[in-house]
Amino acid sequence: MTRAWVRELAGWTLAAAVALATAASVASSARAELLFRDGDSLIVAMLSRSVLAGEPFDWALSSVLFLPETALFTALDALLPLDANGLLALSAVVNQLALFGAIRLAAGPVREGRSPIAWSVAAILAFGVIAATETSSSRDALELASLQLTTTYYSATVVAVVLMIGILRRSVDSRARLRLPVIASAALAAVSTLTNPLFAAWAVAPLSLVLLVLGLRTAALRVRFLVLTGALLGGAAIGAVARIPLAAWIANTGAGYAQPSRWRESLSYHGDLVIERLQSPLGLASALVIAALLGLAVLRTVRAASEAERLVAVVAWVTPLIVLVGAVALGTHAARYLQPLVLLPVLALVSSLRTARLSAPLRRTFAAIAAVLLVAVGILGIPRLAAAATVPDPDLDCVTAWIDGSGRIGAGQFWTVRLPKLHLGDPSQLVQVDHRLDAYAWLVNRADFDAGEVTFLLEDAQTVGWDLPDDVDPLRTVECGRYSILDFETTPLPLGPAHS
């Protein structure tokens, strides 16, 4: 019999191959805009660079603090000789491996007649197939699986949700003492809520509901389910309280995103996204895969052989339903809040882990062929991913060269300034402002505003028209392809008050 560590290593190797192939597919499409260049997508890379440079830390963040994402990115940046795009490409692979690790935990231990490693690889492969169908450049499209490849759109929270499900499954599966599962679930809930309150909506609320319902129908496990629910709720409460000392860095608590009175608009908004997604062949294929997984989750809920299996199966379809209803009820207008709809259904594949009813030689042959194909596809994905991360951008190079050479401080608006700011030798040379030149304190280090004035403005097609005094004109305009640099070297422009 193959040793356990060999089988685990084989599973991780295949997961890495899937991750490489998926990242290469997404990065080779228009979705590369979201991976490497989108203003929102660069916050973790900018935070990491600020930390490594030892800059004064006065960041204005959203309700999400990006603590695990920044820690991982900073470690990779410190250890590897890669530029920003190389690190973002590597992070796309690492995020998927982290998801696989969480799925593997949720699959439970290896036992006779069960194949959790194979089913975990199948789950990450299903995720990869869904992500590979997502090819648009829009951050607002209903293309949610590929968001896991970014460093910004809640990748750590997604992993934490699946990890929590894994902890709960194993605590029910083993029926051992509860001390370790309680500590682990409470700690994970605390850290996850601390870094992103969305964890409460994606995990705390739906998992608590599922545990309570299962506890009502299973007297033998009722106390266990109640204790685990208490650990989950208690940990989330600790995490919420722990955010209070960090209030100076939270420019928006997120409370304003909830507008229940706009639920009809939210329903219409999400309905339009669904229709738009289904109009493309790839979108339709993705929807069919997700529907099949949801159907499998419901089937396995009914046919579960144990409460551990039923727990995972129920979560795979109930949590997406709760998240969808909650998002509409709260009047939200952001597709990214619906990520559990495409990510959690893959857990249906690891709810029941029975080995395929094939002869041992046939199983080994099938596994070998599948493994060779996956590894080959993964290896082929490496040059594709590298090519996507190194696509020349002469316009960006022109801007950064001019600013680096000027030795001066300029400004630009959010969607325009963030990509050049990340790639500058000194990011503080570009200050983030609005169209009135008021400092815009959003996902940026407020220490930049100490400059007080700027001597050039950077603009592109996304820039809102500047509101400048009538008697102020640029000395010259430097054209850099899609960018223009308005040079005010002889008439410095003062910065207005900061706002978020």
Protein backbone atom coordinates (compact mmCIF):
# COMPACT_ATOMS: atom_id res chain seq x y z
CA MET A 1 0.00 0.00 0.00
CA THR A 2 1.32 3.44 -0.94
CA ARG A 3 2.47 5.45 2.04
CA ALA A 4 0.16 8.24 3.16
CA TRP A 5 2.67 11.03 2.59
CA VAL A 6 3.31 9.83 -0.98
CA ARG A 7 -0.39 9.99 -1.77
CA GLU A 8 -0.70 13.42 -0.16
CA LEU A 9 2.31 14.68 -2.14
CA ALA A 10 0.78 13.32 -5.33
CA GLY A 11 -2.44 15.18 -4.55
CA TRP A 12 -0.63 18.45 -3.97
CA THR A 13 1.39 17.96 -7.16
CA LEU A 14 -1.76 17.51 -9.21
CA ALA A 15 -3.38 20.48 -7.48
CA ALA A 16 -0.33 22.59 -8.39
CA ALA A 17 -0.68 21.48 -12.01
CA VAL A 18 -4.34 22.50 -12.01
CA ALA A 19 -3.47 25.82 -10.37
CA LEU A 20 -0.82 26.59 -12.99
CA ALA A 21 -3.13 25.70 -15.86
CA THR A 22 -5.99 27.76 -14.41
CA ALA A 23 -3.81 30.79 -13.71
CA ALA A 24 -2.33 30.58 -17.21
CA SER A 25 -5.78 30.41 -18.79
CA VAL A 26 -7.14 33.37 -16.84
CA ALA A 27 -3.98 35.47 -17.24
CA SER A 28 -3.93 34.84 -21.00
CA SER A 29 -7.42 36.31 -21.40
CA ALA A 30 -8.75 39.82 -20.94
CA ARG A 31 -9.09 38.87 -17.25
CA ALA A 32 -5.37 39.70 -17.01
CA GLU A 33 -6.49 43.31 -16.56
CA LEU A 34 -7.96 42.30 -13.21
CA LEU A 35 -4.91 40.27 -12.20
CA PHE A 36 -2.17 42.74 -13.05
CA ARG A 37 -3.47 46.24 -13.72
CA ASP A 38 -6.84 47.01 -12.11
CA GLY A 39 -6.76 49.79 -9.52
CA ASP A 40 -8.53 47.73 -6.86
CA SER A 41 -6.42 44.62 -7.49
CA LEU A 42 -3.13 46.29 -6.57
CA ILE A 43 -3.82 47.23 -2.94
CA VAL A 44 -2.06 44.21 -1.40
CA ALA A 45 1.01 44.67 -3.60
CA MET A 46 1.12 48.36 -2.65
CA LEU A 47 0.70 47.56 1.06
CA SER A 48 3.45 44.97 0.90
CA ARG A 49 5.85 47.33 -0.80
CA SER A 50 5.12 50.02 1.78
CA VAL A 51 5.85 47.59 4.61
CA LEU A 52 9.12 46.40 3.08
CA ALA A 53 10.23 49.98 2.39
CA GLY A 54 9.65 50.93 6.02
CA GLU A 55 7.35 53.82 5.12
CA PRO A 56 5.29 55.55 7.82
CA PHE A 57 2.20 53.34 8.10
CA ASP A 58 -0.88 55.53 7.87
CA TRP A 59 -3.00 53.60 5.42
CA ALA A 60 -6.66 54.32 4.73
CA LEU A 61 -8.20 50.90 4.14
CA SER A 62 -11.72 49.71 3.44
CA SER A 63 -13.59 47.44 5.84
CA VAL A 64 -11.20 44.70 4.66
CA LEU A 65 -7.74 44.85 6.25
CA PHE A 66 -6.06 42.27 3.96
CA LEU A 67 -3.94 40.92 6.84
CA PRO A 68 -3.33 37.33 5.62
CA GLU A 69 -3.02 38.42 1.98
CA THR A 70 -0.47 41.12 2.81
CA ALA A 71 1.53 38.82 5.08
CA LEU A 72 1.80 36.19 2.32
CA PHE A 73 2.59 38.69 -0.44
CA THR A 74 5.21 40.42 1.70
CA ALA A 75 6.89 37.09 2.46
CA LEU A 76 6.99 36.17 -1.23
CA ASP A 77 8.29 39.64 -2.13
CA ALA A 78 11.03 39.43 0.49
CA LEU A 79 12.16 35.94 -0.52
CA LEU A 80 11.86 35.88 -4.31
CA PRO A 81 13.54 38.01 -7.01
CA LEU A 82 10.30 38.75 -8.86
CA ASP A 83 8.79 42.04 -9.98
CA ALA A 84 5.23 43.05 -9.09
CA ASN A 85 3.62 41.20 -11.99
CA GLY A 86 5.63 38.08 -11.28
CA LEU A 87 4.49 38.13 -7.67
CA LEU A 88 0.86 38.67 -8.69
CA ALA A 89 1.12 35.69 -11.08
CA LEU A 90 2.67 33.52 -8.37
CA SER A 91 -0.01 34.62 -5.91
CA ALA A 92 -2.68 33.42 -8.35
CA VAL A 93 -1.19 29.93 -8.10
CA VAL A 94 -0.57 30.05 -4.35
CA ASN A 95 -4.15 31.18 -3.66
CA GLN A 96 -5.46 28.14 -5.47
CA LEU A 97 -3.12 25.85 -3.56
CA ALA A 98 -4.37 27.38 -0.32
CA LEU A 99 -7.92 26.65 -1.47
CA PHE A 100 -6.92 23.08 -2.26
CA GLY A 101 -5.44 22.70 1.21
CA ALA A 102 -8.71 23.87 2.73
CA ILE A 103 -10.69 21.50 0.51
CA ARG A 104 -8.38 18.64 1.50
CA LEU A 105 -9.11 19.38 5.17
CA ALA A 106 -12.84 19.39 4.43
CA ALA A 107 -12.51 16.02 2.69
CA GLY A 108 -11.48 14.31 5.90
CA PRO A 109 -8.83 11.67 6.60
CA VAL A 110 -7.93 8.71 4.41
CA ARG A 111 -9.80 5.56 5.37
CA GLU A 112 -10.56 2.20 3.85
CA GLY A 113 -13.00 2.58 0.97
CA ARG A 114 -12.59 6.36 0.84
CA SER A 115 -10.55 8.47 -1.58
CA PRO A 116 -10.43 12.00 -0.10
CA ILE A 117 -7.26 12.98 -1.97
CA ALA A 118 -8.65 12.06 -5.37
CA TRP A 119 -11.95 13.81 -4.64
CA SER A 120 -10.09 16.91 -3.41
CA VAL A 121 -8.16 17.05 -6.70
CA ALA A 122 -11.47 16.65 -8.53
CA ALA A 123 -12.88 19.59 -6.53
CA ILE A 124 -9.99 21.93 -7.32
CA LEU A 125 -10.20 20.80 -10.95
CA ALA A 126 -13.91 21.72 -11.00
CA PHE A 127 -12.98 25.11 -9.59
CA GLY A 128 -10.33 25.50 -12.29
CA VAL A 129 -12.80 24.65 -15.03
CA ILE A 130 -15.22 27.30 -13.77
CA ALA A 131 -12.45 29.91 -13.43
CA ALA A 132 -11.14 29.16 -16.93
CA THR A 133 -14.53 30.12 -18.40
CA GLU A 134 -14.15 33.65 -17.03
CA THR A 135 -12.49 35.87 -19.61
CA SER A 136 -13.83 39.41 -19.29
CA SER A 137 -11.84 42.34 -17.92
CA SER A 138 -14.73 43.63 -15.80
CA ARG A 139 -14.50 43.54 -12.02
CA ASP A 140 -18.31 43.78 -11.93
CA ALA A 141 -19.07 40.75 -14.11
CA LEU A 142 -20.59 37.63 -12.58
CA GLU A 143 -17.23 35.88 -13.02
CA LEU A 144 -16.50 35.00 -9.43
CA ALA A 145 -14.19 31.98 -9.38
CA SER A 146 -11.30 33.86 -11.00
CA LEU A 147 -11.46 36.48 -8.23
CA GLN A 148 -9.77 33.85 -6.04
CA LEU A 149 -6.65 34.32 -8.21
CA THR A 150 -6.32 37.98 -7.21
CA THR A 151 -4.72 39.19 -4.00
CA THR A 152 -7.53 41.64 -3.31
CA TYR A 153 -10.93 40.08 -3.74
CA TYR A 154 -11.17 38.18 -0.46
CA SER A 155 -9.02 35.15 -1.34
CA ALA A 156 -8.05 34.62 2.31
CA THR A 157 -11.68 34.85 3.40
CA VAL A 158 -12.71 32.21 0.87
CA VAL A 159 -9.98 29.88 2.13
CA ALA A 160 -11.01 30.57 5.73
CA VAL A 161 -14.64 29.64 4.99
CA VAL A 162 -13.60 26.28 3.53
CA LEU A 163 -11.12 25.72 6.37
CA MET A 164 -13.92 26.29 8.86
CA ILE A 165 -16.07 23.73 7.09
CA GLY A 166 -13.13 21.33 7.24
CA ILE A 167 -12.67 21.84 10.97
CA LEU A 168 -16.37 21.26 11.59
CA ARG A 169 -16.47 18.16 9.38
CA ARG A 170 -13.49 16.57 11.09
CA SER A 171 -14.79 17.36 14.56
CA VAL A 172 -18.04 15.58 13.69
CA ASP A 173 -16.37 12.76 11.77
CA SER A 174 -13.95 11.76 14.53
CA ARG A 175 -16.17 12.44 17.56
CA ALA A 176 -13.00 12.93 19.58
CA ARG A 177 -12.73 15.49 22.37
CA LEU A 178 -13.92 18.95 21.35
CA ARG A 179 -11.14 21.03 22.90
CA LEU A 180 -8.95 21.32 19.80
CA PRO A 181 -11.82 21.87 17.29
CA VAL A 182 -13.35 24.52 19.53
CA ILE A 183 -10.06 26.38 19.88
CA ALA A 184 -9.32 26.08 16.16
CA SER A 185 -12.77 27.21 15.01
CA ALA A 186 -12.89 30.12 17.48
CA ALA A 187 -9.39 31.28 16.51
CA LEU A 188 -10.12 31.03 12.78
CA ALA A 189 -13.41 32.91 13.19
CA ALA A 190 -11.68 35.63 15.23
CA VAL A 191 -8.83 36.20 12.77
CA SER A 192 -11.10 36.02 9.72
CA THR A 193 -13.66 38.46 11.13
CA LEU A 194 -10.86 40.77 12.19
CA THR A 195 -9.48 40.98 8.69
CA ASN A 196 -12.82 40.88 6.83
CA PRO A 197 -16.31 41.23 8.38
CA LEU A 198 -17.71 39.54 5.27
CA PHE A 199 -16.67 36.28 6.93
CA ALA A 200 -19.71 36.68 9.18
CA ALA A 201 -22.03 36.59 6.17
CA TRP A 202 -20.20 33.85 4.32
CA ALA A 203 -19.47 31.52 7.23
CA VAL A 204 -20.68 32.51 10.69
CA ALA A 205 -24.37 33.00 9.87
CA PRO A 206 -24.92 30.10 7.44
CA LEU A 207 -22.75 27.60 9.31
CA SER A 208 -24.39 28.44 12.63
CA LEU A 209 -27.80 27.88 11.05
CA VAL A 210 -26.73 24.56 9.53
CA LEU A 211 -25.21 23.36 12.82
CA LEU A 212 -28.34 24.26 14.77
CA VAL A 213 -30.65 22.49 12.30
CA LEU A 214 -28.48 19.38 12.22
CA GLY A 215 -28.32 19.46 16.01
CA LEU A 216 -32.11 19.45 16.22
CA ARG A 217 -32.39 16.34 14.05
CA THR A 218 -29.46 14.42 15.58
CA ALA A 219 -29.79 14.01 19.33
CA ALA A 220 -26.50 12.11 19.67
CA LEU A 221 -24.53 15.07 18.28
CA ARG A 222 -26.69 17.90 19.61
CA VAL A 223 -24.28 19.04 22.31
CA ARG A 224 -21.34 18.86 19.90
CA PHE A 225 -23.15 20.99 17.33
CA LEU A 226 -24.20 23.53 19.96
CA VAL A 227 -20.66 23.83 21.34
CA LEU A 228 -19.22 24.30 17.86
CA THR A 229 -21.85 26.94 17.10
CA GLY A 230 -20.88 28.77 20.29
CA ALA A 231 -17.20 28.64 19.33
CA LEU A 232 -18.00 30.04 15.88
CA LEU A 233 -20.12 32.89 17.24
CA GLY A 234 -17.73 33.62 20.10
CA GLY A 235 -14.72 33.75 17.81
CA ALA A 236 -16.50 36.10 15.42
CA ALA A 237 -17.44 38.38 18.34
CA ILE A 238 -13.79 38.48 19.47
CA GLY A 239 -12.69 39.35 15.94
CA ALA A 240 -15.24 42.15 15.70
CA VAL A 241 -14.07 43.65 19.00
CA ALA A 242 -10.43 43.33 17.93
CA ARG A 243 -11.15 45.66 14.99
CA ILE A 244 -11.81 48.58 17.33
CA PRO A 245 -8.12 49.43 18.00
CA LEU A 246 -7.55 49.39 14.23
CA ALA A 247 -10.27 51.95 13.53
CA ALA A 248 -7.73 54.59 12.44
CA TRP A 249 -6.90 52.47 9.39
CA ILE A 250 -10.51 51.68 8.46
CA ALA A 251 -11.73 54.49 6.22
CA ASN A 252 -15.06 52.76 5.58
CA THR A 253 -16.65 50.29 7.97
CA GLY A 254 -18.84 48.87 5.22
CA ALA A 255 -22.07 49.69 7.03
CA GLY A 256 -23.09 51.99 4.18
CA TYR A 257 -23.02 49.09 1.73
CA ALA A 258 -26.15 47.64 3.35
CA GLN A 259 -29.23 49.39 1.98
CA PRO A 260 -32.21 47.08 2.54
CA SER A 261 -34.64 49.57 1.02
CA ARG A 262 -32.95 49.01 -2.35
CA TRP A 263 -33.57 45.25 -2.46
CA ARG A 264 -35.62 45.51 -5.66
CA GLU A 265 -32.77 47.33 -7.41
CA SER A 266 -30.36 44.71 -6.10
CA LEU A 267 -32.55 41.89 -7.40
CA SER A 268 -32.72 43.54 -10.82
CA TYR A 269 -28.96 44.19 -10.80
CA HIS A 270 -28.06 40.58 -10.02
CA GLY A 271 -30.67 39.29 -12.45
CA ASP A 272 -29.10 41.34 -15.23
CA LEU A 273 -25.68 39.92 -14.34
CA VAL A 274 -27.04 36.39 -14.59
CA ILE A 275 -28.62 37.07 -17.98
CA GLU A 276 -25.41 38.66 -19.25
CA ARG A 277 -23.37 35.69 -18.05
CA LEU A 278 -25.66 33.13 -19.66
CA GLN A 279 -25.50 34.85 -23.04
CA SER A 280 -21.95 33.58 -23.67
CA PRO A 281 -21.18 29.89 -24.38
CA LEU A 282 -18.50 29.83 -21.68
CA GLY A 283 -20.85 31.45 -19.19
CA LEU A 284 -23.55 28.93 -19.97
CA ALA A 285 -21.07 26.05 -19.60
CA SER A 286 -19.97 27.45 -16.23
CA ALA A 287 -23.59 27.74 -15.08
CA LEU A 288 -24.26 24.13 -16.06
CA VAL A 289 -21.24 22.92 -14.09
CA ILE A 290 -22.35 24.89 -11.02
CA ALA A 291 -25.93 23.65 -11.38
CA ALA A 292 -24.68 20.05 -11.58
CA LEU A 293 -22.58 20.54 -8.44
CA LEU A 294 -25.54 22.05 -6.58
CA GLY A 295 -27.71 19.15 -7.67
CA LEU A 296 -25.07 16.71 -6.47
CA ALA A 297 -24.90 18.53 -3.13
CA VAL A 298 -28.67 18.18 -2.65
CA LEU A 299 -28.53 14.50 -3.64
CA ARG A 300 -25.71 13.79 -1.23
CA THR A 301 -27.57 15.63 1.52
CA VAL A 302 -30.40 13.14 1.16
CA ARG A 303 -28.17 10.08 0.78
CA ALA A 304 -25.46 10.99 3.30
CA ALA A 305 -24.14 8.00 5.23
CA SER A 306 -23.06 10.11 8.22
CA GLU A 307 -23.65 13.51 9.75
CA ALA A 308 -20.14 14.57 8.72
CA GLU A 309 -20.97 13.90 5.07
CA ARG A 310 -24.34 15.60 5.44
CA LEU A 311 -22.75 18.68 7.00
CA VAL A 312 -20.49 19.29 4.01
CA ALA A 313 -23.22 18.47 1.48
CA VAL A 314 -25.72 20.82 3.12
CA VAL A 315 -23.21 23.66 3.34
CA ALA A 316 -22.37 23.26 -0.37
CA TRP A 317 -25.89 24.30 -1.43
CA VAL A 318 -27.43 26.06 1.58
CA THR A 319 -24.65 28.62 2.08
CA PRO A 320 -24.80 29.89 -1.55
CA LEU A 321 -28.57 30.23 -1.17
CA ILE A 322 -28.28 32.15 2.10
CA VAL A 323 -25.56 34.43 0.68
CA LEU A 324 -27.64 35.19 -2.43
CA VAL A 325 -30.79 35.95 -0.47
CA GLY A 326 -28.83 38.01 2.03
CA ALA A 327 -27.07 40.03 -0.67
CA VAL A 328 -30.37 40.94 -2.30
CA ALA A 329 -32.12 41.62 1.02
CA LEU A 330 -29.34 44.02 2.01
CA GLY A 331 -29.59 45.85 -1.30
CA THR A 332 -25.97 45.22 -2.31
CA HIS A 333 -24.69 46.03 -5.79
CA ALA A 334 -21.38 44.17 -6.00
CA ALA A 335 -21.02 40.78 -7.64
CA ARG A 336 -17.90 39.94 -5.61
CA TYR A 337 -20.05 39.44 -2.50
CA LEU A 338 -21.53 36.35 -4.17
CA GLN A 339 -18.32 34.31 -4.46
CA PRO A 340 -19.70 31.42 -2.35
CA LEU A 341 -22.21 30.77 -5.15
CA VAL A 342 -19.47 29.39 -7.40
CA LEU A 343 -16.87 28.29 -4.86
CA LEU A 344 -18.75 26.28 -2.24
CA PRO A 345 -20.68 23.98 -4.62
CA VAL A 346 -17.37 22.23 -5.45
CA LEU A 347 -17.47 20.87 -1.88
CA ALA A 348 -20.22 18.53 -3.04
CA LEU A 349 -17.40 16.46 -4.54
CA VAL A 350 -15.77 15.92 -1.13
CA SER A 351 -18.92 15.39 0.91
CA SER A 352 -19.05 11.68 0.13
CA LEU A 353 -15.68 10.04 -0.53
CA ARG A 354 -16.40 6.51 -1.61
CA THR A 355 -13.83 4.93 -3.89
CA ALA A 356 -15.02 4.36 -7.45
CA ARG A 357 -16.48 0.91 -8.03
CA LEU A 358 -13.83 -0.23 -10.48
CA SER A 359 -11.27 -2.98 -10.29
CA ALA A 360 -7.98 -1.95 -8.68
CA PRO A 361 -5.95 -2.24 -11.95
CA LEU A 362 -8.51 -0.17 -13.84
CA ARG A 363 -8.54 2.47 -11.10
CA ARG A 364 -4.75 2.70 -11.14
CA THR A 365 -4.68 2.97 -14.93
CA PHE A 366 -7.31 5.68 -14.99
CA ALA A 367 -5.56 7.60 -12.18
CA ALA A 368 -2.20 7.37 -13.95
CA ILE A 369 -3.60 8.66 -17.25
CA ALA A 370 -5.43 11.50 -15.51
CA ALA A 371 -2.33 12.44 -13.52
CA VAL A 372 -0.11 12.52 -16.60
CA LEU A 373 -2.60 14.72 -18.45
CA LEU A 374 -2.95 17.14 -15.53
CA VAL A 375 0.79 17.44 -15.02
CA ALA A 376 1.33 17.99 -18.74
CA VAL A 377 -1.30 20.74 -18.85
CA GLY A 378 0.23 22.34 -15.76
CA ILE A 379 3.73 22.33 -17.24
CA LEU A 380 2.42 23.86 -20.46
CA GLY A 381 0.79 26.57 -18.39
CA ILE A 382 4.10 27.82 -16.95
CA PRO A 383 5.35 29.62 -20.10
CA ARG A 384 1.84 30.97 -20.78
CA LEU A 385 1.60 32.42 -17.28
CA ALA A 386 5.13 33.85 -17.50
CA ALA A 387 4.34 35.43 -20.87
CA ALA A 388 1.15 37.00 -19.49
CA ALA A 389 3.08 38.47 -16.54
CA THR A 390 5.75 39.97 -18.77
CA VAL A 391 3.65 41.56 -21.53
CA PRO A 392 5.40 44.84 -22.42
CA ASP A 393 3.61 48.04 -21.45
CA PRO A 394 5.50 50.88 -23.18
CA ASP A 395 2.96 53.48 -22.01
CA LEU A 396 3.50 52.54 -18.38
CA ASP A 397 7.27 52.44 -18.91
CA CYS A 398 7.16 55.92 -20.41
CA VAL A 399 5.28 57.31 -17.42
CA THR A 400 7.44 55.68 -14.76
CA ALA A 401 10.67 56.68 -16.55
CA TRP A 402 9.55 60.31 -16.78
CA ILE A 403 8.44 60.49 -13.15
CA ASP A 404 11.52 58.66 -11.84
CA GLY A 405 13.73 61.02 -13.83
CA SER A 406 11.88 64.18 -12.78
CA GLY A 407 12.52 63.77 -9.06
CA ARG A 408 9.26 65.63 -8.48
CA ILE A 409 5.88 64.83 -6.93
CA GLY A 410 2.71 64.72 -8.99
CA ALA A 411 -0.87 63.52 -8.65
CA GLY A 412 -3.54 61.49 -10.34
CA GLN A 413 -7.01 60.10 -9.75
CA PHE A 414 -7.66 56.65 -8.28
CA TRP A 415 -8.20 54.55 -11.41
CA THR A 416 -5.39 56.31 -13.26
CA VAL A 417 -2.68 56.57 -10.65
CA ARG A 418 -2.51 53.19 -8.99
CA LEU A 419 -0.75 51.12 -11.64
CA PRO A 420 2.06 53.66 -12.23
CA LYS A 421 2.31 54.26 -8.49
CA LEU A 422 2.99 50.58 -7.85
CA HIS A 423 5.74 50.45 -10.49
CA LEU A 424 7.55 53.66 -9.56
CA GLY A 425 10.94 53.62 -7.87
CA ASP A 426 9.39 55.83 -5.17
CA PRO A 427 5.59 55.42 -5.01
CA SER A 428 5.22 58.61 -2.94
CA GLN A 429 6.02 60.59 -6.10
CA LEU A 430 2.39 60.06 -7.14
CA VAL A 431 -0.28 61.36 -4.80
CA GLN A 432 -3.85 60.10 -5.09
CA VAL A 433 -6.36 62.95 -5.50
CA ASP A 434 -9.85 63.66 -6.81
CA HIS A 435 -10.64 65.97 -9.74
CA ARG A 436 -10.47 69.02 -7.43
CA LEU A 437 -6.98 68.07 -6.22
CA ASP A 438 -8.31 67.17 -2.77
CA ALA A 439 -6.32 64.28 -1.31
CA TYR A 440 -8.28 61.04 -1.80
CA ALA A 441 -7.64 58.81 1.22
CA TRP A 442 -8.85 55.45 -0.08
CA LEU A 443 -6.66 52.32 -0.14
CA VAL A 444 -3.55 54.47 0.02
CA ASN A 445 -0.92 55.63 2.51
CA ARG A 446 -2.03 59.00 3.88
CA ALA A 447 1.64 59.83 4.50
CA ASP A 448 1.77 60.71 0.78
CA PHE A 449 -0.36 63.79 1.46
CA ASP A 450 2.43 65.39 3.50
CA ALA A 451 3.84 66.65 0.18
CA GLY A 452 1.34 69.54 0.32
CA GLU A 453 1.64 70.40 -3.38
CA VAL A 454 2.32 68.76 -6.74
CA THR A 455 3.96 69.91 -9.96
CA PHE A 456 2.41 67.57 -12.53
CA LEU A 457 -0.84 65.71 -13.11
CA LEU A 458 -1.22 62.26 -14.65
CA GLU A 459 -4.35 61.48 -16.65
CA ASP A 460 -5.83 58.89 -18.98
CA ALA A 461 -9.24 57.95 -20.38
CA GLN A 462 -10.56 57.14 -16.88
CA THR A 463 -9.67 60.58 -15.48
CA VAL A 464 -12.54 62.92 -14.63
CA GLY A 465 -11.98 66.45 -16.01
CA TRP A 466 -9.78 68.52 -13.67
CA ASP A 467 -11.33 71.43 -11.75
CA LEU A 468 -8.38 73.87 -11.80
CA PRO A 469 -8.20 77.67 -11.57
CA ASP A 470 -8.79 79.36 -14.95
CA ASP A 471 -5.40 81.08 -14.91
CA VAL A 472 -3.43 77.86 -14.40
CA ASP A 473 -2.16 76.08 -17.51
CA PRO A 474 0.45 73.35 -17.87
CA LEU A 475 3.90 74.35 -19.05
CA ARG A 476 3.79 71.41 -21.44
CA THR A 477 2.07 68.06 -21.94
CA VAL A 478 4.06 64.86 -22.19
CA GLU A 479 2.29 62.13 -24.15
CA CYS A 480 2.86 58.53 -23.09
CA GLY A 481 0.40 56.55 -25.19
CA ARG A 482 -2.77 56.10 -23.13
CA TYR A 483 -1.35 58.44 -20.47
CA SER A 484 -0.75 62.19 -20.55
CA ILE A 485 1.44 64.09 -18.09
CA LEU A 486 0.43 67.73 -17.53
CA ASP A 487 3.59 69.48 -16.35
CA PHE A 488 3.08 72.45 -13.98
CA GLU A 489 6.74 72.79 -13.00
CA THR A 490 6.61 76.59 -12.70
CA THR A 491 3.20 76.77 -10.99
CA PRO A 492 2.93 74.16 -8.20
CA LEU A 493 -0.61 73.07 -7.38
CA PRO A 494 -1.63 72.87 -3.68
CA LEU A 495 -3.41 69.77 -2.41
CA GLY A 496 -6.85 70.16 -0.85
CA PRO A 497 -8.08 68.52 2.37
CA ALA A 498 -8.10 64.74 2.56
CA HIS A 499 -11.33 62.74 2.33
CA SER A 500 -12.28 59.13 1.72
